[in-house]
């Protein structure tokens, strides 16, 4: 699906956010390439363009935590012999 050719509204973005357990904090929508404010279910707030959100990007803070936790586990498993 090419998200750039579909006409979206702020209501679409808010509904999509709710489907992910998030909130779209912005009140206006221009197009898929203008940043909106988002809040994840853990309360982290970030800016991202709707195009990225619609293509699967999420909270960068949660993503970093997951990556960091995986790295710690990988390092611990390497030390255990």
C-alpha atoms as a PDB file:
ATOM      1  CA  UNK A   1       0.000   0.000   0.000  1.00  0.00           C
ATOM      2  CA  UNK A   2       1.436   3.376  -0.992  1.00  0.00           C
ATOM      3  CA  UNK A   3       0.459   5.576   1.954  1.00  0.00           C
ATOM      4  CA  UNK A   4       1.422   8.741   0.084  1.00  0.00           C
ATOM      5  CA  UNK A   5      -1.401   8.390  -2.466  1.00  0.00           C
ATOM      6  CA  UNK A   6      -4.178   7.845   0.084  1.00  0.00           C
ATOM      7  CA  UNK A   7      -5.869  10.942   1.497  1.00  0.00           C
ATOM      8  CA  UNK A   8      -5.724  10.756   5.295  1.00  0.00           C
ATOM      9  CA  UNK A   9      -7.180  12.920   8.030  1.00  0.00           C
ATOM     10  CA  UNK A  10      -6.147  13.657  11.597  1.00  0.00           C
ATOM     11  CA  UNK A  11      -8.965  11.343  12.648  1.00  0.00           C
ATOM     12  CA  UNK A  12      -7.375   8.541  10.605  1.00  0.00           C
ATOM     13  CA  UNK A  13      -4.064   9.131  12.382  1.00  0.00           C
ATOM     14  CA  UNK A  14      -5.728   9.200  15.799  1.00  0.00           C
ATOM     15  CA  UNK A  15      -7.608   5.984  15.031  1.00  0.00           C
ATOM     16  CA  UNK A  16      -4.454   4.277  13.761  1.00  0.00           C
ATOM     17  CA  UNK A  17      -2.615   5.324  16.921  1.00  0.00           C
ATOM     18  CA  UNK A  18      -5.394   3.895  19.093  1.00  0.00           C
ATOM     19  CA  UNK A  19      -5.161   0.597  17.212  1.00  0.00           C
ATOM     20  CA  UNK A  20      -1.518   0.405  18.367  1.00  0.00           C
ATOM     21  CA  UNK A  21      -2.309   1.424  21.948  1.00  0.00           C
ATOM     22  CA  UNK A  22      -0.873   4.891  21.350  1.00  0.00           C
ATOM     23  CA  UNK A  23      -2.209   8.430  21.021  1.00  0.00           C
ATOM     24  CA  UNK A  24      -1.779  10.882  18.200  1.00  0.00           C
ATOM     25  CA  UNK A  25      -1.354  14.132  20.124  1.00  0.00           C
ATOM     26  CA  UNK A  26      -1.497  16.432  17.104  1.00  0.00           C
ATOM     27  CA  UNK A  27      -4.658  18.323  16.264  1.00  0.00           C
ATOM     28  CA  UNK A  28      -4.032  19.039  12.602  1.00  0.00           C
ATOM     29  CA  UNK A  29      -2.898  16.936   9.663  1.00  0.00           C
ATOM     30  CA  UNK A  30      -1.332  18.278   6.485  1.00  0.00           C
ATOM     31  CA  UNK A  31       0.079  15.227   4.712  1.00  0.00           C
ATOM     32  CA  UNK A  32       2.066  12.048   5.336  1.00  0.00           C
ATOM     33  CA  UNK A  33       5.392  13.925   5.303  1.00  0.00           C
ATOM     34  CA  UNK A  34       4.689  16.506   8.019  1.00  0.00           C
ATOM     35  CA  UNK A  35       5.628  15.472  11.567  1.00  0.00           C
ATOM     36  CA  UNK A  36       2.927  14.700  14.104  1.00  0.00           C
ATOM     37  CA  UNK A  37       3.303  14.158  17.851  1.00  0.00           C
ATOM     38  CA  UNK A  38       2.773  10.623  19.136  1.00  0.00           C
ATOM     39  CA  UNK A  39       2.573   9.027  22.579  1.00  0.00           C
ATOM     40  CA  UNK A  40       3.135   5.311  23.160  1.00  0.00           C
ATOM     41  CA  UNK A  41       1.405   3.201  25.797  1.00  0.00           C
ATOM     42  CA  UNK A  42       4.335   3.802  28.186  1.00  0.00           C
ATOM     43  CA  UNK A  43       3.927   7.585  27.962  1.00  0.00           C
ATOM     44  CA  UNK A  44       6.920   8.313  25.714  1.00  0.00           C
ATOM     45  CA  UNK A  45       6.336  11.224  23.343  1.00  0.00           C
ATOM     46  CA  UNK A  46       8.068  11.599  19.982  1.00  0.00           C
ATOM     47  CA  UNK A  47       7.641  13.205  16.570  1.00  0.00           C
ATOM     48  CA  UNK A  48       7.386  11.215  13.373  1.00  0.00           C
ATOM     49  CA  UNK A  49       5.879  11.590   9.956  1.00  0.00           C
ATOM     50  CA  UNK A  50       2.685   9.601   9.380  1.00  0.00           C
ATOM     51  CA  UNK A  51       4.331   7.807   6.459  1.00  0.00           C
ATOM     52  CA  UNK A  52       6.820   6.165   8.844  1.00  0.00           C
ATOM     53  CA  UNK A  53       4.140   5.338  11.400  1.00  0.00           C
ATOM     54  CA  UNK A  54       1.871   3.780   8.782  1.00  0.00           C
ATOM     55  CA  UNK A  55       4.794   1.685   7.521  1.00  0.00           C
ATOM     56  CA  UNK A  56       5.477   0.194  10.941  1.00  0.00           C
ATOM     57  CA  UNK A  57       7.760   2.566  12.833  1.00  0.00           C
ATOM     58  CA  UNK A  58       6.960   3.040  16.478  1.00  0.00           C
ATOM     59  CA  UNK A  59       8.264   4.591  19.640  1.00  0.00           C
ATOM     60  CA  UNK A  60      12.037   5.062  19.294  1.00  0.00           C
ATOM     61  CA  UNK A  61      12.465   5.065  23.061  1.00  0.00           C
ATOM     62  CA  UNK A  62      10.793   1.674  23.464  1.00  0.00           C
ATOM     63  CA  UNK A  63      12.730   0.366  20.445  1.00  0.00           C
ATOM     64  CA  UNK A  64      16.029   1.398  22.033  1.00  0.00           C
ATOM     65  CA  UNK A  65      15.062  -0.228  25.316  1.00  0.00           C
ATOM     66  CA  UNK A  66      14.305  -3.479  23.546  1.00  0.00           C
ATOM     67  CA  UNK A  67      17.590  -3.332  21.641  1.00  0.00           C
ATOM     68  CA  UNK A  68      19.495  -2.453  24.794  1.00  0.00           C
ATOM     69  CA  UNK A  69      17.891  -5.325  26.733  1.00  0.00           C
ATOM     70  CA  UNK A  70      18.752  -7.761  23.905  1.00  0.00           C
ATOM     71  CA  UNK A  71      22.342  -6.553  23.900  1.00  0.00           C
ATOM     72  CA  UNK A  72      22.636  -7.107  27.663  1.00  0.00           C
ATOM     73  CA  UNK A  73      21.207 -10.619  27.325  1.00  0.00           C
ATOM     74  CA  UNK A  74      23.543 -11.420  24.439  1.00  0.00           C
ATOM     75  CA  UNK A  75      26.562 -10.216  26.416  1.00  0.00           C
ATOM     76  CA  UNK A  76      25.531 -12.224  29.459  1.00  0.00           C
ATOM     77  CA  UNK A  77      25.059 -15.376  27.386  1.00  0.00           C
ATOM     78  CA  UNK A  78      28.509 -14.991  25.837  1.00  0.00           C
ATOM     79  CA  UNK A  79      30.141 -14.794  29.280  1.00  0.00           C
ATOM     80  CA  UNK A  80      28.479 -17.979  30.495  1.00  0.00           C
ATOM     81  CA  UNK A  81      30.375 -21.120  29.478  1.00  0.00           C
END
